[in-house]
Amino acid sequence: MELFPAQVRYTATSLPYNIGNDWFGGFLPATAFAMMAATGDIYYGP
């Protein structure tokens, strides 16, 4: 017996995953540039 249908389960897992990847991946170039600009080292990274 399923508590939720497959489409609801898929949406409930894929939506937060895709939103998280979009935010992280979208801001990664700006974050990397900001770290490089703050230190002046093009190879800077934690």
Protein backbone atom coordinates (compact mmCIF):
# COMPACT_ATOMS: atom_id res chain seq x y z
CA MET A 1 0.00 0.00 0.00
CA GLU A 2 1.43 3.34 -1.06
CA LEU A 3 0.94 6.43 1.01
CA PHE A 4 1.54 8.76 -1.96
CA PRO A 5 1.34 8.09 -5.69
CA ALA A 6 4.59 7.87 -7.66
CA GLN A 7 4.20 11.29 -9.31
CA VAL A 8 3.85 13.02 -5.93
CA ARG A 9 6.85 11.14 -4.53
CA TYR A 10 8.96 12.04 -7.54
CA THR A 11 8.01 15.72 -7.34
CA ALA A 12 8.65 15.83 -3.61
CA THR A 13 12.20 14.58 -4.11
CA SER A 14 13.14 16.23 -7.39
CA LEU A 15 11.89 19.74 -6.68
CA PRO A 16 14.12 20.47 -3.64
CA TYR A 17 17.04 18.74 -5.35
CA ASN A 18 16.76 20.87 -8.48
CA ILE A 19 16.19 24.11 -6.56
CA GLY A 20 19.26 23.40 -4.43
CA ASN A 21 21.42 22.65 -7.44
CA ASP A 22 20.19 25.75 -9.26
CA TRP A 23 21.04 28.01 -6.32
CA PHE A 24 24.42 26.46 -5.64
CA GLY A 25 25.39 26.13 -9.29
CA GLY A 26 24.03 29.54 -10.19
CA PHE A 27 25.93 31.43 -7.52
CA LEU A 28 29.14 29.41 -7.77
CA PRO A 29 30.78 31.56 -10.48
CA ALA A 30 29.95 34.77 -8.61
CA THR A 31 31.22 33.30 -5.34
CA ALA A 32 34.44 32.09 -6.96
CA PHE A 33 35.00 35.51 -8.55
CA ALA A 34 34.34 37.28 -5.25
CA MET A 35 36.88 35.07 -3.44
CA MET A 36 39.42 35.69 -6.20
CA ALA A 37 38.78 39.44 -6.16
CA ALA A 38 39.06 39.60 -2.36
CA THR A 39 42.41 37.81 -2.23
CA GLY A 40 43.92 38.73 -5.59
CA ASP A 41 44.93 35.07 -6.04
CA ILE A 42 43.36 33.34 -9.05
CA TYR A 43 44.08 29.95 -7.46
CA TYR A 44 42.40 30.77 -4.14
CA GLY A 45 39.93 28.22 -2.82
CA PRO A 46 39.06 26.69 0.52
